[in-house]
PDB file of N, CA and C in Angstrom:
ATOM      1  N   MET A   1      36.588 -40.015  34.863  1.00  0.00           N
ATOM      2  CA  MET A   1      35.581 -39.999  33.838  1.00  0.00           C
ATOM      3  C   MET A   1      34.571 -38.886  34.068  1.00  0.00           C
ATOM      4  N   ASP A   2      34.271 -38.618  35.310  1.00  0.00           N
ATOM      5  CA  ASP A   2      33.299 -37.592  35.645  1.00  0.00           C
ATOM      6  C   ASP A   2      33.797 -36.216  35.214  1.00  0.00           C
ATOM      7  N   SER A   3      35.080 -35.964  35.349  1.00  0.00           N
ATOM      8  CA  SER A   3      35.628 -34.663  34.945  1.00  0.00           C
ATOM      9  C   SER A   3      35.587 -34.512  33.420  1.00  0.00           C
ATOM     10  N   ASN A   4      35.800 -35.609  32.694  1.00  0.00           N
ATOM     11  CA  ASN A   4      35.693 -35.557  31.225  1.00  0.00           C
ATOM     12  C   ASN A   4      34.270 -35.214  30.785  1.00  0.00           C
ATOM     13  N   ASN A   5      33.300 -35.787  31.470  1.00  0.00           N
ATOM     14  CA  ASN A   5      31.900 -35.484  31.141  1.00  0.00           C
ATOM     15  C   ASN A   5      31.586 -34.014  31.397  1.00  0.00           C
ATOM     16  N   LYS A   6      32.110 -33.489  32.507  1.00  0.00           N
ATOM     17  CA  LYS A   6      31.885 -32.073  32.819  1.00  0.00           C
ATOM     18  C   LYS A   6      32.542 -31.179  31.775  1.00  0.00           C
ATOM     19  N   MET A   7      33.740 -31.548  31.363  1.00  0.00           N
ATOM     20  CA  MET A   7      34.449 -30.760  30.351  1.00  0.00           C
ATOM     21  C   MET A   7      33.688 -30.790  29.023  1.00  0.00           C
ATOM     22  N   ASN A   8      33.233 -31.978  28.648  1.00  0.00           N
ATOM     23  CA  ASN A   8      32.455 -32.103  27.408  1.00  0.00           C
ATOM     24  C   ASN A   8      31.165 -31.292  27.480  1.00  0.00           C
ATOM     25  N   LEU A   9      30.516 -31.341  28.641  1.00  0.00           N
ATOM     26  CA  LEU A   9      29.285 -30.591  28.827  1.00  0.00           C
ATOM     27  C   LEU A   9      29.543 -29.089  28.740  1.00  0.00           C
ATOM     28  N   LEU A  10      30.606 -28.616  29.371  1.00  0.00           N
ATOM     29  CA  LEU A  10      30.953 -27.194  29.310  1.00  0.00           C
ATOM     30  C   LEU A  10      31.293 -26.772  27.881  1.00  0.00           C
ATOM     31  N   GLN A  11      32.019 -27.636  27.186  1.00  0.00           N
ATOM     32  CA  GLN A  11      32.374 -27.326  25.800  1.00  0.00           C
ATOM     33  C   GLN A  11      31.116 -27.260  24.927  1.00  0.00           C
ATOM     34  N   LEU A  12      30.196 -28.176  25.126  1.00  0.00           N
ATOM     35  CA  LEU A  12      28.948 -28.165  24.360  1.00  0.00           C
ATOM     36  C   LEU A  12      28.114 -26.918  24.660  1.00  0.00           C
ATOM     37  N   LYS A  13      28.087 -26.516  25.940  1.00  0.00           N
ATOM     38  CA  LYS A  13      27.360 -25.297  26.308  1.00  0.00           C
ATOM     39  C   LYS A  13      27.979 -24.077  25.632  1.00  0.00           C
ATOM     40  N   TYR A  14      29.305 -24.033  25.611  1.00  0.00           N
ATOM     41  CA  TYR A  14      29.998 -22.915  24.967  1.00  0.00           C
ATOM     42  C   TYR A  14      29.694 -22.884  23.465  1.00  0.00           C
ATOM     43  N   GLU A  15      29.762 -24.044  22.828  1.00  0.00           N
ATOM     44  CA  GLU A  15      29.465 -24.116  21.395  1.00  0.00           C
ATOM     45  C   GLU A  15      28.012 -23.730  21.111  1.00  0.00           C
ATOM     46  N   ASN A  16      27.112 -24.148  21.989  1.00  0.00           N
ATOM     47  CA  ASN A  16      25.701 -23.808  21.831  1.00  0.00           C
ATOM     48  C   ASN A  16      25.502 -22.291  21.927  1.00  0.00           C
ATOM     49  N   ALA A  17      26.128 -21.672  22.913  1.00  0.00           N
ATOM     50  CA  ALA A  17      26.016 -20.219  23.075  1.00  0.00           C
ATOM     51  C   ALA A  17      26.609 -19.505  21.869  1.00  0.00           C
ATOM     52  N   SER A  18      27.726 -20.029  21.379  1.00  0.00           N
ATOM     53  CA  SER A  18      28.363 -19.436  20.203  1.00  0.00           C
ATOM     54  C   SER A  18      27.449 -19.529  18.983  1.00  0.00           C
ATOM     55  N   MET A  19      26.831 -20.688  18.794  1.00  0.00           N
ATOM     56  CA  MET A  19      25.914 -20.869  17.659  1.00  0.00           C
ATOM     57  C   MET A  19      24.694 -19.963  17.787  1.00  0.00           C
ATOM     58  N   GLU A  20      24.155 -19.830  18.996  1.00  0.00           N
ATOM     59  CA  GLU A  20      23.002 -18.947  19.200  1.00  0.00           C
ATOM     60  C   GLU A  20      23.363 -17.503  18.856  1.00  0.00           C
ATOM     61  N   HIS A  21      24.566 -17.100  19.232  1.00  0.00           N
ATOM     62  CA  HIS A  21      25.021 -15.746  18.913  1.00  0.00           C
ATOM     63  C   HIS A  21      25.140 -15.567  17.398  1.00  0.00           C
ATOM     64  N   LYS A  22      25.692 -16.565  16.715  1.00  0.00           N
ATOM     65  CA  LYS A  22      25.816 -16.493  15.254  1.00  0.00           C
ATOM     66  C   LYS A  22      24.441 -16.427  14.590  1.00  0.00           C
ATOM     67  N   ILE A  23      23.506 -17.222  15.086  1.00  0.00           N
ATOM     68  CA  ILE A  23      22.148 -17.223  14.526  1.00  0.00           C
ATOM     69  C   ILE A  23      21.498 -15.858  14.709  1.00  0.00           C
ATOM     70  N   LYS A  24      21.662 -15.290  15.894  1.00  0.00           N
ATOM     71  CA  LYS A  24      21.079 -13.972  16.164  1.00  0.00           C
ATOM     72  C   LYS A  24      21.685 -12.917  15.241  1.00  0.00           C
ATOM     73  N   THR A  25      22.985 -12.971  15.046  1.00  0.00           N
ATOM     74  CA  THR A  25      23.665 -12.027  14.152  1.00  0.00           C
ATOM     75  C   THR A  25      23.165 -12.184  12.716  1.00  0.00           C
ATOM     76  N   LEU A  26      23.026 -13.419  12.267  1.00  0.00           N
ATOM     77  CA  LEU A  26      22.537 -13.673  10.907  1.00  0.00           C
ATOM     78  C   LEU A  26      21.090 -13.214  10.733  1.00  0.00           C
ATOM     79  N   GLN A  27      20.266 -13.379  11.753  1.00  0.00           N
ATOM     80  CA  GLN A  27      18.880 -12.921  11.672  1.00  0.00           C
ATOM     81  C   GLN A  27      18.813 -11.396  11.570  1.00  0.00           C
ATOM     82  N   GLU A  28      19.660 -10.711  12.331  1.00  0.00           N
ATOM     83  CA  GLU A  28      19.703  -9.249  12.253  1.00  0.00           C
ATOM     84  C   GLU A  28      20.146  -8.798  10.862  1.00  0.00           C
ATOM     85  N   GLU A  29      21.169  -9.459  10.338  1.00  0.00           N
ATOM     86  CA  GLU A  29      21.656  -9.131   8.998  1.00  0.00           C
ATOM     87  C   GLU A  29      20.575  -9.409   7.949  1.00  0.00           C
ATOM     88  N   ASN A  30      19.856 -10.502   8.122  1.00  0.00           N
ATOM     89  CA  ASN A  30      18.777 -10.854   7.202  1.00  0.00           C
ATOM     90  C   ASN A  30      17.675  -9.791   7.213  1.00  0.00           C
ATOM     91  N   SER A  31      17.305  -9.309   8.392  1.00  0.00           N
ATOM     92  CA  SER A  31      16.255  -8.286   8.461  1.00  0.00           C
ATOM     93  C   SER A  31      16.716  -6.987   7.800  1.00  0.00           C
ATOM     94  N   LYS A  32      17.996  -6.649   7.947  1.00  0.00           N
ATOM     95  CA  LYS A  32      18.522  -5.451   7.279  1.00  0.00           C
ATOM     96  C   LYS A  32      18.472  -5.618   5.761  1.00  0.00           C
ATOM     97  N   LEU A  33      18.839  -6.797   5.284  1.00  0.00           N
ATOM     98  CA  LEU A  33      18.807  -7.059   3.844  1.00  0.00           C
ATOM     99  C   LEU A  33      17.378  -7.039   3.302  1.00  0.00           C
ATOM    100  N   GLU A  34      16.430  -7.573   4.070  1.00  0.00           N
ATOM    101  CA  GLU A  34      15.029  -7.540   3.635  1.00  0.00           C
ATOM    102  C   GLU A  34      14.532  -6.102   3.524  1.00  0.00           C
ATOM    103  N   GLU A  35      14.939  -5.254   4.457  1.00  0.00           N
ATOM    104  CA  GLU A  35      14.554  -3.840   4.400  1.00  0.00           C
ATOM    105  C   GLU A  35      15.150  -3.171   3.164  1.00  0.00           C
ATOM    106  N   LYS A  36      16.401  -3.494   2.861  1.00  0.00           N
ATOM    107  CA  LYS A  36      17.027  -2.940   1.657  1.00  0.00           C
ATOM    108  C   LYS A  36      16.300  -3.406   0.399  1.00  0.00           C
ATOM    109  N   ILE A  37      15.876  -4.657   0.385  1.00  0.00           N
ATOM    110  CA  ILE A  37      15.142  -5.189  -0.768  1.00  0.00           C
ATOM    111  C   ILE A  37      13.830  -4.427  -0.955  1.00  0.00           C
ATOM    112  N   LYS A  38      13.115  -4.168   0.141  1.00  0.00           N
ATOM    113  CA  LYS A  38      11.864  -3.408   0.044  1.00  0.00           C
ATOM    114  C   LYS A  38      12.117  -2.019  -0.526  1.00  0.00           C
ATOM    115  N   LEU A  39      13.173  -1.367  -0.042  1.00  0.00           N
ATOM    116  CA  LEU A  39      13.496  -0.031  -0.541  1.00  0.00           C
ATOM    117  C   LEU A  39      13.862  -0.067  -2.018  1.00  0.00           C
ATOM    118  N   MET A  40      14.584  -1.096  -2.425  1.00  0.00           N
ATOM    119  CA  MET A  40      14.957  -1.223  -3.836  1.00  0.00           C
ATOM    120  C   MET A  40      13.724  -1.473  -4.705  1.00  0.00           C
ATOM    121  N   GLU A  41      12.768  -2.243  -4.198  1.00  0.00           N
ATOM    122  CA  GLU A  41      11.536  -2.482  -4.951  1.00  0.00           C
ATOM    123  C   GLU A  41      10.745  -1.192  -5.120  1.00  0.00           C
ATOM    124  N   ILE A  42      10.691  -0.384  -4.067  1.00  0.00           N
ATOM    125  CA  ILE A  42      10.007   0.913  -4.156  1.00  0.00           C
ATOM    126  C   ILE A  42      10.709   1.796  -5.169  1.00  0.00           C
ATOM    127  N   GLN A  43      12.041   1.813  -5.125  1.00  0.00           N
ATOM    128  CA  GLN A  43      12.807   2.614  -6.081  1.00  0.00           C
ATOM    129  C   GLN A  43      12.555   2.139  -7.509  1.00  0.00           C
ATOM    130  N   GLN A  44      12.495   0.830  -7.705  1.00  0.00           N
ATOM    131  CA  GLN A  44      12.240   0.289  -9.042  1.00  0.00           C
ATOM    132  C   GLN A  44      10.857   0.712  -9.531  1.00  0.00           C
ATOM    133  N   THR A  45       9.866   0.665  -8.656  1.00  0.00           N
ATOM    134  CA  THR A  45       8.516   1.094  -9.024  1.00  0.00           C
ATOM    135  C   THR A  45       8.513   2.558  -9.430  1.00  0.00           C
ATOM    136  N   ASN A  46       9.226   3.383  -8.656  1.00  0.00           N
ATOM    137  CA  ASN A  46       9.309   4.806  -8.986  1.00  0.00           C
ATOM    138  C   ASN A  46      10.021   5.020 -10.314  1.00  0.00           C
ATOM    139  N   ASP A  47      11.094   4.285 -10.536  1.00  0.00           N
ATOM    140  CA  ASP A  47      11.830   4.414 -11.798  1.00  0.00           C
ATOM    141  C   ASP A  47      10.958   4.019 -12.985  1.00  0.00           C
ATOM    142  N   GLU A  48      10.189   2.946 -12.825  1.00  0.00           N
ATOM    143  CA  GLU A  48       9.298   2.519 -13.903  1.00  0.00           C
ATOM    144  C   GLU A  48       8.236   3.575 -14.184  1.00  0.00           C
ATOM    145  N   ALA A  49       7.730   4.212 -13.124  1.00  0.00           N
ATOM    146  CA  ALA A  49       6.730   5.270 -13.310  1.00  0.00           C
ATOM    147  C   ALA A  49       7.336   6.456 -14.051  1.00  0.00           C
ATOM    148  N   VAL A  50       8.579   6.804 -13.713  1.00  0.00           N
ATOM    149  CA  VAL A  50       9.249   7.916 -14.397  1.00  0.00           C
ATOM    150  C   VAL A  50       9.455   7.584 -15.868  1.00  0.00           C
ATOM    151  N   VAL A  51       9.871   6.364 -16.152  1.00  0.00           N
ATOM    152  CA  VAL A  51      10.073   5.954 -17.549  1.00  0.00           C
ATOM    153  C   VAL A  51       8.756   6.053 -18.317  1.00  0.00           C
ATOM    154  N   GLU A  52       7.678   5.607 -17.703  1.00  0.00           N
ATOM    155  CA  GLU A  52       6.368   5.673 -18.366  1.00  0.00           C
ATOM    156  C   GLU A  52       5.963   7.124 -18.625  1.00  0.00           C
ATOM    157  N   ILE A  53       6.191   7.986 -17.660  1.00  0.00           N
ATOM    158  CA  ILE A  53       5.861   9.408 -17.834  1.00  0.00           C
ATOM    159  C   ILE A  53       6.681  10.004 -18.966  1.00  0.00           C
ATOM    160  N   LEU A  54       7.962   9.679 -18.998  1.00  0.00           N
ATOM    161  CA  LEU A  54       8.813  10.212 -20.062  1.00  0.00           C
ATOM    162  C   LEU A  54       8.386   9.693 -21.432  1.00  0.00           C
ATOM    163  N   GLN A  55       8.014   8.427 -21.510  1.00  0.00           N
ATOM    164  CA  GLN A  55       7.545   7.879 -22.784  1.00  0.00           C
ATOM    165  C   GLN A  55       6.267   8.580 -23.237  1.00  0.00           C
ATOM    166  N   ASN A  56       5.356   8.816 -22.298  1.00  0.00           N
ATOM    167  CA  ASN A  56       4.125   9.534 -22.641  1.00  0.00           C
ATOM    168  C   ASN A  56       4.434  10.947 -23.110  1.00  0.00           C
ATOM    169  N   HIS A  57       5.390  11.576 -22.456  1.00  0.00           N
ATOM    170  CA  HIS A  57       5.769  12.937 -22.841  1.00  0.00           C
ATOM    171  C   HIS A  57       6.329  12.960 -24.266  1.00  0.00           C
ATOM    172  N   VAL A  58       7.179  11.994 -24.577  1.00  0.00           N
ATOM    173  CA  VAL A  58       7.757  11.926 -25.924  1.00  0.00           C
ATOM    174  C   VAL A  58       6.648  11.728 -26.956  1.00  0.00           C
ATOM    175  N   GLU A  59       5.710  10.834 -26.664  1.00  0.00           N
ATOM    176  CA  GLU A  59       4.603  10.599 -27.596  1.00  0.00           C
ATOM    177  C   GLU A  59       3.758  11.855 -27.780  1.00  0.00           C
ATOM    178  N   GLU A  60       3.462  12.536 -26.673  1.00  0.00           N
ATOM    179  CA  GLU A  60       2.679  13.770 -26.760  1.00  0.00           C
ATOM    180  C   GLU A  60       3.420  14.829 -27.565  1.00  0.00           C
ATOM    181  N   ARG A  61       4.699  14.921 -27.336  1.00  0.00           N
ATOM    182  CA  ARG A  61       5.501  15.924 -28.044  1.00  0.00           C
ATOM    183  C   ARG A  61       5.525  15.636 -29.549  1.00  0.00           C
ATOM    184  N   ARG A  62       5.692  14.375 -29.903  1.00  0.00           N
ATOM    185  CA  ARG A  62       5.675  14.009 -31.327  1.00  0.00           C
ATOM    186  C   ARG A  62       4.329  14.351 -31.962  1.00  0.00           C
ATOM    187  N   ALA A  63       3.257  14.008 -31.275  1.00  0.00           N
ATOM    188  CA  ALA A  63       1.919  14.302 -31.803  1.00  0.00           C
ATOM    189  C   ALA A  63       1.719  15.808 -31.943  1.00  0.00           C
ATOM    190  N   PHE A  64       2.192  16.554 -30.964  1.00  0.00           N
ATOM    191  CA  PHE A  64       2.049  18.010 -31.013  1.00  0.00           C
ATOM    192  C   PHE A  64       2.862  18.595 -32.163  1.00  0.00           C
ATOM    193  N   ASN A  65       4.073  18.106 -32.354  1.00  0.00           N
ATOM    194  CA  ASN A  65       4.906  18.591 -33.466  1.00  0.00           C
ATOM    195  C   ASN A  65       4.267  18.264 -34.815  1.00  0.00           C
ATOM    196  N   ASN A  66       3.707  17.072 -34.938  1.00  0.00           N
ATOM    197  CA  ASN A  66       2.999  16.717 -36.175  1.00  0.00           C
ATOM    198  C   ASN A  66       1.787  17.616 -36.386  1.00  0.00           C
ATOM    199  N   PHE A  67       1.119  17.936 -35.315  1.00  0.00           N
ATOM    200  CA  PHE A  67      -0.039  18.826 -35.379  1.00  0.00           C
ATOM    201  C   PHE A  67       0.376  20.210 -35.868  1.00  0.00           C
ATOM    202  N   LEU A  68       1.502  20.706 -35.364  1.00  0.00           N
ATOM    203  CA  LEU A  68       1.964  22.042 -35.754  1.00  0.00           C
ATOM    204  C   LEU A  68       2.375  22.103 -37.215  1.00  0.00           C
ATOM    205  N   ARG A  69       2.856  21.006 -37.755  1.00  0.00           N
ATOM    206  CA  ARG A  69       3.304  20.990 -39.150  1.00  0.00           C
ATOM    207  C   ARG A  69       2.144  21.032 -40.147  1.00  0.00           C
ATOM    208  N   ASP A  70       0.967  20.621 -39.717  1.00  0.00           N
ATOM    209  CA  ASP A  70      -0.192  20.543 -40.617  1.00  0.00           C
ATOM    210  C   ASP A  70      -0.946  21.874 -40.608  1.00  0.00           C
ATOM    211  N   ASP A  71      -0.912  22.604 -41.732  1.00  0.00           N
ATOM    212  CA  ASP A  71      -1.545  23.921 -41.820  1.00  0.00           C
ATOM    213  C   ASP A  71      -3.066  23.848 -41.731  1.00  0.00           C
ATOM    214  N   SER A  72      -3.656  22.750 -42.126  1.00  0.00           N
ATOM    215  CA  SER A  72      -5.117  22.650 -42.083  1.00  0.00           C
ATOM    216  C   SER A  72      -5.646  22.666 -40.656  1.00  0.00           C
ATOM    217  N   ASN A  73      -4.775  22.413 -39.688  1.00  0.00           N
ATOM    218  CA  ASN A  73      -5.193  22.427 -38.292  1.00  0.00           C
ATOM    219  C   ASN A  73      -5.473  23.833 -37.783  1.00  0.00           C
ATOM    220  N   PHE A  74      -5.093  24.830 -38.535  1.00  0.00           N
ATOM    221  CA  PHE A  74      -5.222  26.194 -38.046  1.00  0.00           C
ATOM    222  C   PHE A  74      -6.406  26.939 -38.650  1.00  0.00           C
ATOM    223  N   GLU A  75      -7.287  26.238 -39.322  1.00  0.00           N
ATOM    224  CA  GLU A  75      -8.539  26.845 -39.754  1.00  0.00           C
ATOM    225  C   GLU A  75      -9.399  27.030 -38.511  1.00  0.00           C
ATOM    226  N   PRO A  76     -10.157  28.131 -38.411  1.00  0.00           N
ATOM    227  CA  PRO A  76     -10.892  28.436 -37.169  1.00  0.00           C
ATOM    228  C   PRO A  76     -11.778  27.292 -36.660  1.00  0.00           C
ATOM    229  N   SER A  77     -12.526  26.646 -37.516  1.00  0.00           N
ATOM    230  CA  SER A  77     -13.407  25.564 -37.049  1.00  0.00           C
ATOM    231  C   SER A  77     -12.592  24.374 -36.545  1.00  0.00           C
ATOM    232  N   GLU A  78     -11.514  24.077 -37.234  1.00  0.00           N
ATOM    233  CA  GLU A  78     -10.645  22.972 -36.819  1.00  0.00           C
ATOM    234  C   GLU A  78      -9.969  23.281 -35.492  1.00  0.00           C
ATOM    235  N   MET A  79      -9.583  24.511 -35.297  1.00  0.00           N
ATOM    236  CA  MET A  79      -8.888  24.892 -34.066  1.00  0.00           C
ATOM    237  C   MET A  79      -9.793  24.674 -32.855  1.00  0.00           C
ATOM    238  N   GLU A  80     -11.063  25.047 -32.973  1.00  0.00           N
ATOM    239  CA  GLU A  80     -11.996  24.854 -31.862  1.00  0.00           C
ATOM    240  C   GLU A  80     -12.198  23.362 -31.574  1.00  0.00           C
ATOM    241  N   ARG A  81     -12.396  22.606 -32.628  1.00  0.00           N
ATOM    242  CA  ARG A  81     -12.607  21.169 -32.457  1.00  0.00           C
ATOM    243  C   ARG A  81     -11.381  20.512 -31.828  1.00  0.00           C
ATOM    244  N   ARG A  82     -10.213  20.881 -32.294  1.00  0.00           N
ATOM    245  CA  ARG A  82      -8.970  20.303 -31.762  1.00  0.00           C
ATOM    246  C   ARG A  82      -8.745  20.723 -30.311  1.00  0.00           C
ATOM    247  N   ALA A  83      -9.081  21.962 -29.980  1.00  0.00           N
ATOM    248  CA  ALA A  83      -8.905  22.424 -28.601  1.00  0.00           C
ATOM    249  C   ALA A  83      -9.779  21.607 -27.653  1.00  0.00           C
ATOM    250  N   LYS A  84     -11.023  21.371 -28.031  1.00  0.00           N
ATOM    251  CA  LYS A  84     -11.918  20.566 -27.198  1.00  0.00           C
ATOM    252  C   LYS A  84     -11.402  19.135 -27.073  1.00  0.00           C
ATOM    253  N   LEU A  85     -10.962  18.600 -28.187  1.00  0.00           N
ATOM    254  CA  LEU A  85     -10.428  17.243 -28.183  1.00  0.00           C
ATOM    255  C   LEU A  85      -9.195  17.142 -27.289  1.00  0.00           C
ATOM    256  N   ARG A  86      -8.341  18.130 -27.390  1.00  0.00           N
ATOM    257  CA  ARG A  86      -7.119  18.129 -26.574  1.00  0.00           C
ATOM    258  C   ARG A  86      -7.462  18.225 -25.092  1.00  0.00           C
ATOM    259  N   GLU A  87      -8.425  19.077 -24.727  1.00  0.00           N
ATOM    260  CA  GLU A  87      -8.847  19.191 -23.332  1.00  0.00           C
ATOM    261  C   GLU A  87      -9.381  17.859 -22.814  1.00  0.00           C
ATOM    262  N   GLU A  88     -10.153  17.172 -23.631  1.00  0.00           N
ATOM    263  CA  GLU A  88     -10.680  15.868 -23.231  1.00  0.00           C
ATOM    264  C   GLU A  88      -9.554  14.865 -23.007  1.00  0.00           C
ATOM    265  N   ILE A  89      -8.594  14.852 -23.903  1.00  0.00           N
ATOM    266  CA  ILE A  89      -7.464  13.921 -23.778  1.00  0.00           C
ATOM    267  C   ILE A  89      -6.666  14.227 -22.518  1.00  0.00           C
ATOM    268  N   ILE A  90      -6.400  15.499 -22.282  1.00  0.00           N
ATOM    269  CA  ILE A  90      -5.628  15.890 -21.095  1.00  0.00           C
ATOM    270  C   ILE A  90      -6.379  15.505 -19.826  1.00  0.00           C
ATOM    271  N   SER A  91      -7.679  15.754 -19.776  1.00  0.00           N
ATOM    272  CA  SER A  91      -8.440  15.410 -18.572  1.00  0.00           C
ATOM    273  C   SER A  91      -8.471  13.894 -18.353  1.00  0.00           C
ATOM    274  N   LYS A  92      -8.575  13.117 -19.438  1.00  0.00           N
ATOM    275  CA  LYS A  92      -8.544  11.660 -19.295  1.00  0.00           C
ATOM    276  C   LYS A  92      -7.197  11.196 -18.760  1.00  0.00           C
ATOM    277  N   ARG A  93      -6.116  11.767 -19.265  1.00  0.00           N
ATOM    278  CA  ARG A  93      -4.776  11.378 -18.788  1.00  0.00           C
ATOM    279  C   ARG A  93      -4.597  11.734 -17.322  1.00  0.00           C
ATOM    280  N   GLU A  94      -5.066  12.918 -16.932  1.00  0.00           N
ATOM    281  CA  GLU A  94      -4.943  13.322 -15.534  1.00  0.00           C
ATOM    282  C   GLU A  94      -5.752  12.396 -14.634  1.00  0.00           C
ATOM    283  N   ASP A  95      -6.949  12.027 -15.069  1.00  0.00           N
ATOM    284  CA  ASP A  95      -7.760  11.089 -14.292  1.00  0.00           C
ATOM    285  C   ASP A  95      -7.053   9.747 -14.150  1.00  0.00           C
ATOM    286  N   THR A  96      -6.449   9.282 -15.235  1.00  0.00           N
ATOM    287  CA  THR A  96      -5.720   8.014 -15.205  1.00  0.00           C
ATOM    288  C   THR A  96      -4.526   8.101 -14.262  1.00  0.00           C
ATOM    289  N   LYS A  97      -3.801   9.219 -14.322  1.00  0.00           N
ATOM    290  CA  LYS A  97      -2.637   9.391 -13.445  1.00  0.00           C
ATOM    291  C   LYS A  97      -3.071   9.420 -11.989  1.00  0.00           C
ATOM    292  N   ARG A  98      -4.162  10.140 -11.699  1.00  0.00           N
ATOM    293  CA  ARG A  98      -4.648  10.211 -10.319  1.00  0.00           C
ATOM    294  C   ARG A  98      -5.078   8.834  -9.824  1.00  0.00           C
ATOM    295  N   ALA A  99      -5.770   8.101 -10.667  1.00  0.00           N
ATOM    296  CA  ALA A  99      -6.220   6.764 -10.275  1.00  0.00           C
ATOM    297  C   ALA A  99      -5.032   5.850 -10.018  1.00  0.00           C
ATOM    298  N   LYS A 100      -4.033   5.922 -10.872  1.00  0.00           N
ATOM    299  CA  LYS A 100      -2.849   5.079 -10.701  1.00  0.00           C
ATOM    300  C   LYS A 100      -2.079   5.490  -9.455  1.00  0.00           C
ATOM    301  N   ALA A 101      -1.953   6.793  -9.228  1.00  0.00           N
ATOM    302  CA  ALA A 101      -1.223   7.270  -8.052  1.00  0.00           C
ATOM    303  C   ALA A 101      -1.930   6.837  -6.778  1.00  0.00           C
ATOM    304  N   SER A 102      -3.246   6.950  -6.731  1.00  0.00           N
ATOM    305  CA  SER A 102      -3.972   6.540  -5.531  1.00  0.00           C
ATOM    306  C   SER A 102      -3.880   5.034  -5.323  1.00  0.00           C
ATOM    307  N   ARG A 103      -3.868   4.269  -6.420  1.00  0.00           N
ATOM    308  CA  ARG A 103      -3.721   2.819  -6.310  1.00  0.00           C
ATOM    309  C   ARG A 103      -2.333   2.464  -5.785  1.00  0.00           C
ATOM    310  N   ASP A 104      -1.292   3.140  -6.308  1.00  0.00           N
ATOM    311  CA  ASP A 104       0.074   2.868  -5.860  1.00  0.00           C
ATOM    312  C   ASP A 104       0.242   3.223  -4.394  1.00  0.00           C
ATOM    313  N   VAL A 105      -0.343   4.348  -3.981  1.00  0.00           N
ATOM    314  CA  VAL A 105      -0.252   4.754  -2.581  1.00  0.00           C
ATOM    315  C   VAL A 105      -0.976   3.739  -1.707  1.00  0.00           C
ATOM    316  N   GLY A 106      -2.125   3.263  -2.170  1.00  0.00           N
ATOM    317  CA  GLY A 106      -2.872   2.256  -1.419  1.00  0.00           C
ATOM    318  C   GLY A 106      -2.086   0.975  -1.248  1.00  0.00           C
ATOM    319  N   GLU A 107      -1.380   0.568  -2.286  1.00  0.00           N
ATOM    320  CA  GLU A 107      -0.561  -0.646  -2.208  1.00  0.00           C
ATOM    321  C   GLU A 107       0.604  -0.457  -1.249  1.00  0.00           C
ATOM    322  N   LYS A 108       1.224   0.708  -1.259  1.00  0.00           N
ATOM    323  CA  LYS A 108       2.361   0.961  -0.366  1.00  0.00           C
ATOM    324  C   LYS A 108       1.905   1.014   1.081  1.00  0.00           C
ATOM    325  N   VAL A 109       0.720   1.566   1.321  1.00  0.00           N
ATOM    326  CA  VAL A 109       0.196   1.647   2.679  1.00  0.00           C
ATOM    327  C   VAL A 109      -0.106   0.253   3.209  1.00  0.00           C
ATOM    328  N   LYS A 110      -0.594  -0.637   2.350  1.00  0.00           N
ATOM    329  CA  LYS A 110      -0.894  -2.001   2.770  1.00  0.00           C
ATOM    330  C   LYS A 110       0.358  -2.741   3.194  1.00  0.00           C
ATOM    331  N   GLU A 111       1.489  -2.430   2.569  1.00  0.00           N
ATOM    332  CA  GLU A 111       2.749  -3.114   2.893  1.00  0.00           C
ATOM    333  C   GLU A 111       3.222  -2.645   4.229  1.00  0.00           C
TER     334      GLU A 111
END
């Protein structure tokens, strides 16, 4: 009976070591997958930013094309007023982009 107990004990120790090895392997695999998920989230954020930039570009282009079609926009007084307005719009967009970029960088640094 004593030899059976020793055999059972050895078998249990072997199974325990095997399970610990499997757990360690699964934890390593899990950490690799979590890293991939983080990278995919960053990529998704970048893709969304690119889509937003492209949408803004399309809107700006449409507005500019509509502006070019209207002959009244080329009267000297109108041209000056429109130029100032356009500069203001561009500076506001650049400020917004800078603020968003600094916020995104701040969020990534926190992670």
